[in-house]
Amino acid sequence: MSAFAPNGRTQLPGSGKPARFPRSARLLRHADFERVYKQGRRHFATHMTVFFLRRTEGGTLRVGFTVGRVLGGAVVRNRMKRRLREAVRLQRPAASIPVDVVINPKKSLLTAEFADIQNEVRRAFEVIQKWLEKPRGRE
């Protein structure tokens, strides 16, 4: 269970340090986003679309977020990304899976309950896990 710091940020239990979404778990390069969009698969949910692509070099799960300007100004877009980042941090699978994921929120994410967002992220990770477990010849 996480606690809140005086500044409102989530803290790691017992450490007094803020919980983070580590850089190694983030998708950062434009080329990586493009590769996931062009070669990956999609999972549609009520408040988001999730694109994912298995990585050949192995490693861990990496997640990126894209929020277009059509969804609102900078403050609104940043709020969407913060909510998604926290939901992913809380729902990330414990197992190390070699996949890149890009999450595109829909406008409805702003008014959605955080529990609903967490459930959608958890369900998306379950779908990705099932897809990764399929034999490679049946893709």
N, C-alpha and C. Protein backbone atom coordinates (compact mmCIF):
# COMPACT_ATOMS: atom_id res chain seq x y z
N MET A 1 0.85 -1.17 0.00
CA MET A 1 0.00 0.00 0.00
C MET A 1 0.89 1.23 0.00
N SER A 2 0.54 2.23 -0.76
CA SER A 2 1.37 3.43 -0.82
C SER A 2 0.75 4.53 0.05
N ALA A 3 1.61 5.42 0.49
CA ALA A 3 1.17 6.54 1.32
C ALA A 3 1.37 7.82 0.51
N PHE A 4 0.74 8.89 0.96
CA PHE A 4 0.90 10.16 0.26
C PHE A 4 1.83 11.07 1.04
N ALA A 5 2.69 11.75 0.32
CA ALA A 5 3.60 12.73 0.90
C ALA A 5 2.82 14.03 1.11
N PRO A 6 3.38 14.98 1.88
CA PRO A 6 2.69 16.26 2.07
C PRO A 6 2.41 16.98 0.76
N ASN A 7 3.25 16.75 -0.27
CA ASN A 7 3.02 17.41 -1.55
C ASN A 7 2.00 16.69 -2.40
N GLY A 8 1.39 15.59 -1.89
CA GLY A 8 0.34 14.89 -2.60
C GLY A 8 0.83 13.75 -3.48
N ARG A 9 2.14 13.53 -3.55
CA ARG A 9 2.68 12.46 -4.37
C ARG A 9 2.66 11.14 -3.63
N THR A 10 2.53 10.07 -4.39
CA THR A 10 2.55 8.74 -3.81
C THR A 10 3.97 8.40 -3.38
N GLN A 11 4.10 7.76 -2.22
CA GLN A 11 5.41 7.37 -1.71
C GLN A 11 5.53 5.87 -1.65
N LEU A 12 6.75 5.38 -1.78
CA LEU A 12 7.01 3.96 -1.58
C LEU A 12 6.86 3.67 -0.09
N PRO A 13 6.23 2.56 0.27
CA PRO A 13 6.01 2.27 1.69
C PRO A 13 7.32 2.13 2.45
N GLY A 14 7.42 2.82 3.56
CA GLY A 14 8.56 2.69 4.44
C GLY A 14 9.81 3.42 4.01
N SER A 15 9.85 3.95 2.79
CA SER A 15 11.10 4.56 2.32
C SER A 15 11.08 6.09 2.43
N GLY A 16 9.90 6.68 2.40
CA GLY A 16 9.82 8.13 2.41
C GLY A 16 10.15 8.75 1.06
N LYS A 17 10.51 7.90 0.06
CA LYS A 17 10.83 8.40 -1.27
C LYS A 17 9.58 8.32 -2.15
N PRO A 18 9.43 9.28 -3.08
CA PRO A 18 8.27 9.22 -3.96
C PRO A 18 8.36 8.02 -4.90
N ALA A 19 7.21 7.39 -5.17
CA ALA A 19 7.16 6.29 -6.13
C ALA A 19 7.39 6.86 -7.52
N ARG A 20 8.17 6.18 -8.32
CA ARG A 20 8.52 6.69 -9.64
C ARG A 20 8.13 5.70 -10.73
N PHE A 21 8.05 6.22 -11.92
CA PHE A 21 7.89 5.41 -13.11
C PHE A 21 9.26 5.44 -13.77
N PRO A 22 10.08 4.39 -13.58
CA PRO A 22 11.48 4.46 -13.97
C PRO A 22 11.70 4.70 -15.47
N ARG A 23 12.77 5.39 -15.78
CA ARG A 23 13.10 5.73 -17.16
C ARG A 23 13.25 4.47 -18.01
N SER A 24 13.77 3.40 -17.42
CA SER A 24 13.96 2.15 -18.16
C SER A 24 12.62 1.51 -18.56
N ALA A 25 11.54 1.93 -17.92
CA ALA A 25 10.22 1.36 -18.21
C ALA A 25 9.42 2.25 -19.16
N ARG A 26 10.06 3.32 -19.67
CA ARG A 26 9.35 4.25 -20.53
C ARG A 26 9.81 4.12 -21.97
N LEU A 27 8.91 4.33 -22.88
CA LEU A 27 9.21 4.39 -24.30
C LEU A 27 9.46 5.86 -24.60
N LEU A 28 10.64 6.21 -25.11
CA LEU A 28 11.01 7.61 -25.23
C LEU A 28 11.30 8.07 -26.66
N ARG A 29 11.84 7.21 -27.49
CA ARG A 29 12.27 7.62 -28.83
C ARG A 29 11.13 7.59 -29.83
N HIS A 30 11.09 8.60 -30.68
CA HIS A 30 10.06 8.71 -31.71
C HIS A 30 10.05 7.46 -32.60
N ALA A 31 11.23 6.96 -32.93
CA ALA A 31 11.34 5.78 -33.80
C ALA A 31 10.68 4.56 -33.15
N ASP A 32 10.79 4.44 -31.84
CA ASP A 32 10.16 3.33 -31.13
C ASP A 32 8.63 3.44 -31.19
N PHE A 33 8.11 4.65 -31.03
CA PHE A 33 6.67 4.87 -31.14
C PHE A 33 6.18 4.50 -32.54
N GLU A 34 6.89 4.97 -33.56
CA GLU A 34 6.52 4.70 -34.94
C GLU A 34 6.53 3.20 -35.23
N ARG A 35 7.53 2.49 -34.73
CA ARG A 35 7.63 1.05 -34.95
C ARG A 35 6.43 0.33 -34.33
N VAL A 36 6.04 0.75 -33.12
CA VAL A 36 4.88 0.12 -32.46
C VAL A 36 3.61 0.40 -33.26
N TYR A 37 3.43 1.64 -33.75
CA TYR A 37 2.24 1.97 -34.52
C TYR A 37 2.16 1.19 -35.83
N LYS A 38 3.28 1.09 -36.53
CA LYS A 38 3.28 0.49 -37.86
C LYS A 38 3.31 -1.03 -37.85
N GLN A 39 4.02 -1.64 -36.89
CA GLN A 39 4.19 -3.09 -36.91
C GLN A 39 3.39 -3.79 -35.81
N GLY A 40 2.88 -3.04 -34.86
CA GLY A 40 2.25 -3.66 -33.70
C GLY A 40 0.78 -3.99 -33.88
N ARG A 41 0.21 -4.48 -32.81
CA ARG A 41 -1.20 -4.83 -32.76
C ARG A 41 -1.93 -3.81 -31.89
N ARG A 42 -3.29 -3.85 -31.93
CA ARG A 42 -4.09 -2.89 -31.17
C ARG A 42 -5.08 -3.59 -30.26
N HIS A 43 -5.34 -2.94 -29.14
CA HIS A 43 -6.39 -3.37 -28.22
C HIS A 43 -7.23 -2.13 -27.92
N PHE A 44 -8.52 -2.22 -28.19
CA PHE A 44 -9.41 -1.08 -27.97
C PHE A 44 -10.14 -1.23 -26.64
N ALA A 45 -10.18 -0.16 -25.88
CA ALA A 45 -10.90 -0.12 -24.61
C ALA A 45 -11.78 1.13 -24.61
N THR A 46 -12.59 1.27 -23.59
CA THR A 46 -13.54 2.38 -23.52
C THR A 46 -12.85 3.73 -23.50
N HIS A 47 -11.80 3.86 -22.70
CA HIS A 47 -11.16 5.16 -22.51
C HIS A 47 -9.79 5.29 -23.18
N MET A 48 -9.36 4.24 -23.91
CA MET A 48 -8.03 4.30 -24.51
C MET A 48 -7.89 3.24 -25.61
N THR A 49 -6.88 3.46 -26.45
CA THR A 49 -6.46 2.47 -27.43
C THR A 49 -5.02 2.11 -27.08
N VAL A 50 -4.74 0.81 -27.02
CA VAL A 50 -3.41 0.35 -26.61
C VAL A 50 -2.77 -0.36 -27.81
N PHE A 51 -1.60 0.14 -28.21
CA PHE A 51 -0.82 -0.48 -29.28
C PHE A 51 0.33 -1.23 -28.61
N PHE A 52 0.67 -2.41 -29.13
CA PHE A 52 1.77 -3.16 -28.51
C PHE A 52 2.52 -3.96 -29.56
N LEU A 53 3.80 -4.19 -29.30
CA LEU A 53 4.67 -4.91 -30.21
C LEU A 53 5.73 -5.64 -29.42
N ARG A 54 5.88 -6.94 -29.70
CA ARG A 54 6.91 -7.76 -29.05
C ARG A 54 8.28 -7.25 -29.51
N ARG A 55 9.21 -7.19 -28.55
CA ARG A 55 10.60 -6.82 -28.88
C ARG A 55 11.41 -8.08 -29.07
N THR A 56 12.30 -8.07 -30.05
CA THR A 56 13.11 -9.25 -30.32
C THR A 56 14.31 -9.33 -29.39
N GLU A 57 14.83 -8.19 -28.96
CA GLU A 57 16.04 -8.19 -28.14
C GLU A 57 15.78 -8.50 -26.67
N GLY A 58 14.54 -8.76 -26.31
CA GLY A 58 14.22 -9.07 -24.91
C GLY A 58 14.16 -7.81 -24.07
N GLY A 59 14.33 -7.98 -22.80
CA GLY A 59 14.27 -6.83 -21.89
C GLY A 59 12.96 -6.81 -21.14
N THR A 60 12.58 -5.64 -20.71
CA THR A 60 11.37 -5.49 -19.90
C THR A 60 10.29 -4.73 -20.66
N LEU A 61 9.14 -4.64 -20.04
CA LEU A 61 8.02 -3.88 -20.57
C LEU A 61 8.39 -2.40 -20.61
N ARG A 62 8.13 -1.76 -21.76
CA ARG A 62 8.32 -0.31 -21.87
C ARG A 62 6.99 0.28 -22.33
N VAL A 63 6.60 1.39 -21.70
CA VAL A 63 5.30 2.00 -21.99
C VAL A 63 5.51 3.46 -22.36
N GLY A 64 4.78 3.90 -23.40
CA GLY A 64 4.78 5.29 -23.81
C GLY A 64 3.35 5.79 -23.92
N PHE A 65 3.19 7.10 -23.85
CA PHE A 65 1.87 7.70 -23.91
C PHE A 65 1.87 8.78 -24.97
N THR A 66 0.80 8.84 -25.78
CA THR A 66 0.65 9.94 -26.73
C THR A 66 -0.73 10.53 -26.54
N VAL A 67 -0.76 11.84 -26.38
CA VAL A 67 -2.02 12.55 -26.20
C VAL A 67 -2.02 13.70 -27.20
N GLY A 68 -2.88 13.61 -28.20
CA GLY A 68 -2.92 14.62 -29.25
C GLY A 68 -3.50 15.94 -28.77
N ARG A 69 -3.16 17.01 -29.48
CA ARG A 69 -3.65 18.34 -29.12
C ARG A 69 -5.16 18.47 -29.25
N VAL A 70 -5.75 17.60 -30.06
CA VAL A 70 -7.19 17.65 -30.23
C VAL A 70 -7.93 17.33 -28.92
N LEU A 71 -7.25 16.69 -27.98
CA LEU A 71 -7.89 16.32 -26.71
C LEU A 71 -7.89 17.45 -25.69
N GLY A 72 -7.17 18.54 -25.94
CA GLY A 72 -7.19 19.66 -25.01
C GLY A 72 -5.86 20.37 -24.96
N GLY A 73 -5.80 21.38 -24.10
CA GLY A 73 -4.58 22.15 -23.93
C GLY A 73 -3.54 21.36 -23.15
N ALA A 74 -2.39 21.98 -22.93
CA ALA A 74 -1.27 21.30 -22.28
C ALA A 74 -1.63 20.80 -20.88
N VAL A 75 -2.37 21.58 -20.13
CA VAL A 75 -2.73 21.18 -18.78
C VAL A 75 -3.59 19.92 -18.80
N VAL A 76 -4.55 19.88 -19.69
CA VAL A 76 -5.44 18.73 -19.81
C VAL A 76 -4.66 17.50 -20.28
N ARG A 77 -3.82 17.68 -21.30
CA ARG A 77 -3.04 16.56 -21.82
C ARG A 77 -2.09 16.01 -20.76
N ASN A 78 -1.45 16.88 -20.01
CA ASN A 78 -0.55 16.43 -18.96
C ASN A 78 -1.29 15.70 -17.85
N ARG A 79 -2.50 16.15 -17.52
CA ARG A 79 -3.31 15.46 -16.51
C ARG A 79 -3.63 14.04 -16.99
N MET A 80 -3.98 13.90 -18.27
CA MET A 80 -4.26 12.57 -18.82
C MET A 80 -3.03 11.67 -18.71
N LYS A 81 -1.87 12.20 -19.06
CA LYS A 81 -0.65 11.40 -18.99
C LYS A 81 -0.31 11.03 -17.56
N ARG A 82 -0.50 11.93 -16.61
CA ARG A 82 -0.24 11.60 -15.20
C ARG A 82 -1.15 10.50 -14.71
N ARG A 83 -2.43 10.57 -15.06
CA ARG A 83 -3.37 9.53 -14.63
C ARG A 83 -3.00 8.18 -15.24
N LEU A 84 -2.67 8.19 -16.52
CA LEU A 84 -2.29 6.94 -17.18
C LEU A 84 -0.99 6.38 -16.61
N ARG A 85 -0.02 7.24 -16.38
CA ARG A 85 1.27 6.80 -15.85
C ARG A 85 1.10 6.13 -14.48
N GLU A 86 0.27 6.72 -13.65
CA GLU A 86 0.04 6.14 -12.32
C GLU A 86 -0.71 4.81 -12.43
N ALA A 87 -1.70 4.74 -13.31
CA ALA A 87 -2.44 3.49 -13.50
C ALA A 87 -1.51 2.39 -14.00
N VAL A 88 -0.62 2.72 -14.93
CA VAL A 88 0.33 1.73 -15.45
C VAL A 88 1.31 1.33 -14.34
N ARG A 89 1.78 2.28 -13.56
CA ARG A 89 2.72 1.97 -12.48
C ARG A 89 2.09 1.00 -11.49
N LEU A 90 0.82 1.20 -11.18
CA LEU A 90 0.13 0.35 -10.20
C LEU A 90 -0.27 -1.01 -10.78
N GLN A 91 -0.50 -1.10 -12.08
CA GLN A 91 -1.01 -2.32 -12.69
C GLN A 91 0.01 -3.09 -13.51
N ARG A 92 1.24 -2.58 -13.57
CA ARG A 92 2.28 -3.25 -14.37
C ARG A 92 2.48 -4.68 -13.93
N PRO A 93 2.58 -5.61 -14.90
CA PRO A 93 2.80 -7.00 -14.51
C PRO A 93 4.16 -7.17 -13.83
N ALA A 94 4.20 -8.06 -12.84
CA ALA A 94 5.45 -8.31 -12.12
C ALA A 94 6.46 -9.02 -13.01
N ALA A 95 5.97 -9.87 -13.91
CA ALA A 95 6.87 -10.61 -14.80
C ALA A 95 7.47 -9.66 -15.82
N SER A 96 8.69 -9.92 -16.18
CA SER A 96 9.39 -9.11 -17.17
C SER A 96 9.01 -9.60 -18.56
N ILE A 97 8.22 -8.80 -19.27
CA ILE A 97 7.80 -9.20 -20.62
C ILE A 97 8.43 -8.27 -21.65
N PRO A 98 8.99 -8.82 -22.72
CA PRO A 98 9.68 -7.99 -23.72
C PRO A 98 8.70 -7.40 -24.74
N VAL A 99 8.05 -6.32 -24.37
CA VAL A 99 7.07 -5.71 -25.25
C VAL A 99 7.09 -4.20 -25.08
N ASP A 100 6.84 -3.50 -26.19
CA ASP A 100 6.68 -2.05 -26.15
C ASP A 100 5.19 -1.75 -26.27
N VAL A 101 4.71 -0.83 -25.45
CA VAL A 101 3.29 -0.49 -25.40
C VAL A 101 3.15 1.01 -25.55
N VAL A 102 2.20 1.44 -26.39
CA VAL A 102 1.86 2.86 -26.51
C VAL A 102 0.38 2.99 -26.21
N ILE A 103 0.05 3.90 -25.29
CA ILE A 103 -1.34 4.10 -24.90
C ILE A 103 -1.80 5.46 -25.39
N ASN A 104 -2.91 5.45 -26.14
CA ASN A 104 -3.54 6.68 -26.63
C ASN A 104 -4.87 6.84 -25.91
N PRO A 105 -5.01 7.83 -25.04
CA PRO A 105 -6.28 8.02 -24.33
C PRO A 105 -7.33 8.65 -25.23
N LYS A 106 -8.58 8.46 -24.85
CA LYS A 106 -9.70 9.13 -25.50
C LYS A 106 -10.17 10.25 -24.57
N LYS A 107 -10.96 11.16 -25.09
CA LYS A 107 -11.43 12.31 -24.30
C LYS A 107 -12.15 11.86 -23.02
N SER A 108 -12.81 10.72 -23.06
CA SER A 108 -13.57 10.25 -21.91
C SER A 108 -12.68 9.90 -20.72
N LEU A 109 -11.38 9.76 -20.93
CA LEU A 109 -10.47 9.44 -19.83
C LEU A 109 -10.49 10.53 -18.75
N LEU A 110 -10.70 11.76 -19.16
CA LEU A 110 -10.69 12.87 -18.20
C LEU A 110 -11.77 12.74 -17.13
N THR A 111 -12.92 12.24 -17.52
CA THR A 111 -14.03 12.17 -16.57
C THR A 111 -14.19 10.78 -15.96
N ALA A 112 -13.37 9.84 -16.39
CA ALA A 112 -13.47 8.46 -15.90
C ALA A 112 -12.95 8.35 -14.47
N GLU A 113 -13.55 7.45 -13.72
CA GLU A 113 -13.05 7.14 -12.38
C GLU A 113 -11.69 6.49 -12.51
N PHE A 114 -10.79 6.78 -11.57
CA PHE A 114 -9.44 6.22 -11.63
C PHE A 114 -9.47 4.69 -11.57
N ALA A 115 -10.40 4.12 -10.81
CA ALA A 115 -10.52 2.66 -10.72
C ALA A 115 -10.84 2.06 -12.09
N ASP A 116 -11.67 2.75 -12.89
CA ASP A 116 -11.99 2.28 -14.23
C ASP A 116 -10.75 2.30 -15.13
N ILE A 117 -9.96 3.35 -14.99
CA ILE A 117 -8.73 3.45 -15.78
C ILE A 117 -7.78 2.31 -15.40
N GLN A 118 -7.64 2.06 -14.11
CA GLN A 118 -6.78 0.96 -13.66
C GLN A 118 -7.26 -0.38 -14.21
N ASN A 119 -8.58 -0.61 -14.19
CA ASN A 119 -9.12 -1.85 -14.72
C ASN A 119 -8.85 -2.01 -16.21
N GLU A 120 -8.98 -0.93 -16.96
CA GLU A 120 -8.70 -0.99 -18.40
C GLU A 120 -7.23 -1.28 -18.66
N VAL A 121 -6.35 -0.66 -17.89
CA VAL A 121 -4.91 -0.90 -18.06
C VAL A 121 -4.58 -2.34 -17.69
N ARG A 122 -5.16 -2.83 -16.59
CA ARG A 122 -4.93 -4.22 -16.18
C ARG A 122 -5.41 -5.18 -17.25
N ARG A 123 -6.58 -4.94 -17.79
CA ARG A 123 -7.14 -5.79 -18.85
C ARG A 123 -6.27 -5.75 -20.11
N ALA A 124 -5.76 -4.58 -20.45
CA ALA A 124 -4.87 -4.47 -21.62
C ALA A 124 -3.61 -5.31 -21.42
N PHE A 125 -3.04 -5.27 -20.21
CA PHE A 125 -1.84 -6.07 -19.94
C PHE A 125 -2.16 -7.57 -20.00
N GLU A 126 -3.37 -7.95 -19.58
CA GLU A 126 -3.78 -9.36 -19.69
C GLU A 126 -3.87 -9.78 -21.15
N VAL A 127 -4.45 -8.93 -22.00
CA VAL A 127 -4.56 -9.22 -23.43
C VAL A 127 -3.17 -9.35 -24.05
N ILE A 128 -2.28 -8.44 -23.70
CA ILE A 128 -0.91 -8.48 -24.22
C ILE A 128 -0.22 -9.76 -23.79
N GLN A 129 -0.38 -10.13 -22.53
CA GLN A 129 0.25 -11.35 -22.02
C GLN A 129 -0.26 -12.58 -22.77
N LYS A 130 -1.57 -12.66 -23.01
CA LYS A 130 -2.14 -13.79 -23.76
C LYS A 130 -1.56 -13.83 -25.18
N TRP A 131 -1.46 -12.67 -25.79
CA TRP A 131 -0.94 -12.60 -27.16
C TRP A 131 0.52 -13.05 -27.20
N LEU A 132 1.30 -12.68 -26.20
CA LEU A 132 2.70 -13.07 -26.17
C LEU A 132 2.87 -14.57 -25.95
N GLU A 133 1.92 -15.20 -25.27
CA GLU A 133 2.02 -16.62 -24.98
C GLU A 133 1.63 -17.48 -26.17
N LYS A 134 0.98 -16.88 -27.18
CA LYS A 134 0.61 -17.65 -28.37
C LYS A 134 1.88 -18.07 -29.12
N PRO A 135 1.86 -19.23 -29.77
CA PRO A 135 3.00 -19.61 -30.60
C PRO A 135 3.20 -18.59 -31.71
N ARG A 136 4.44 -18.28 -32.03
CA ARG A 136 4.76 -17.23 -32.98
C ARG A 136 4.22 -17.49 -34.39
N GLY A 137 4.02 -18.73 -34.77
CA GLY A 137 3.56 -19.04 -36.11
C GLY A 137 2.12 -18.66 -36.37
N ARG A 138 1.32 -18.43 -35.31
CA ARG A 138 -0.12 -18.15 -35.46
C ARG A 138 -0.46 -16.68 -35.36
N GLU A 139 0.47 -15.80 -35.48
CA GLU A 139 0.18 -14.38 -35.32
C GLU A 139 -0.54 -13.85 -36.48
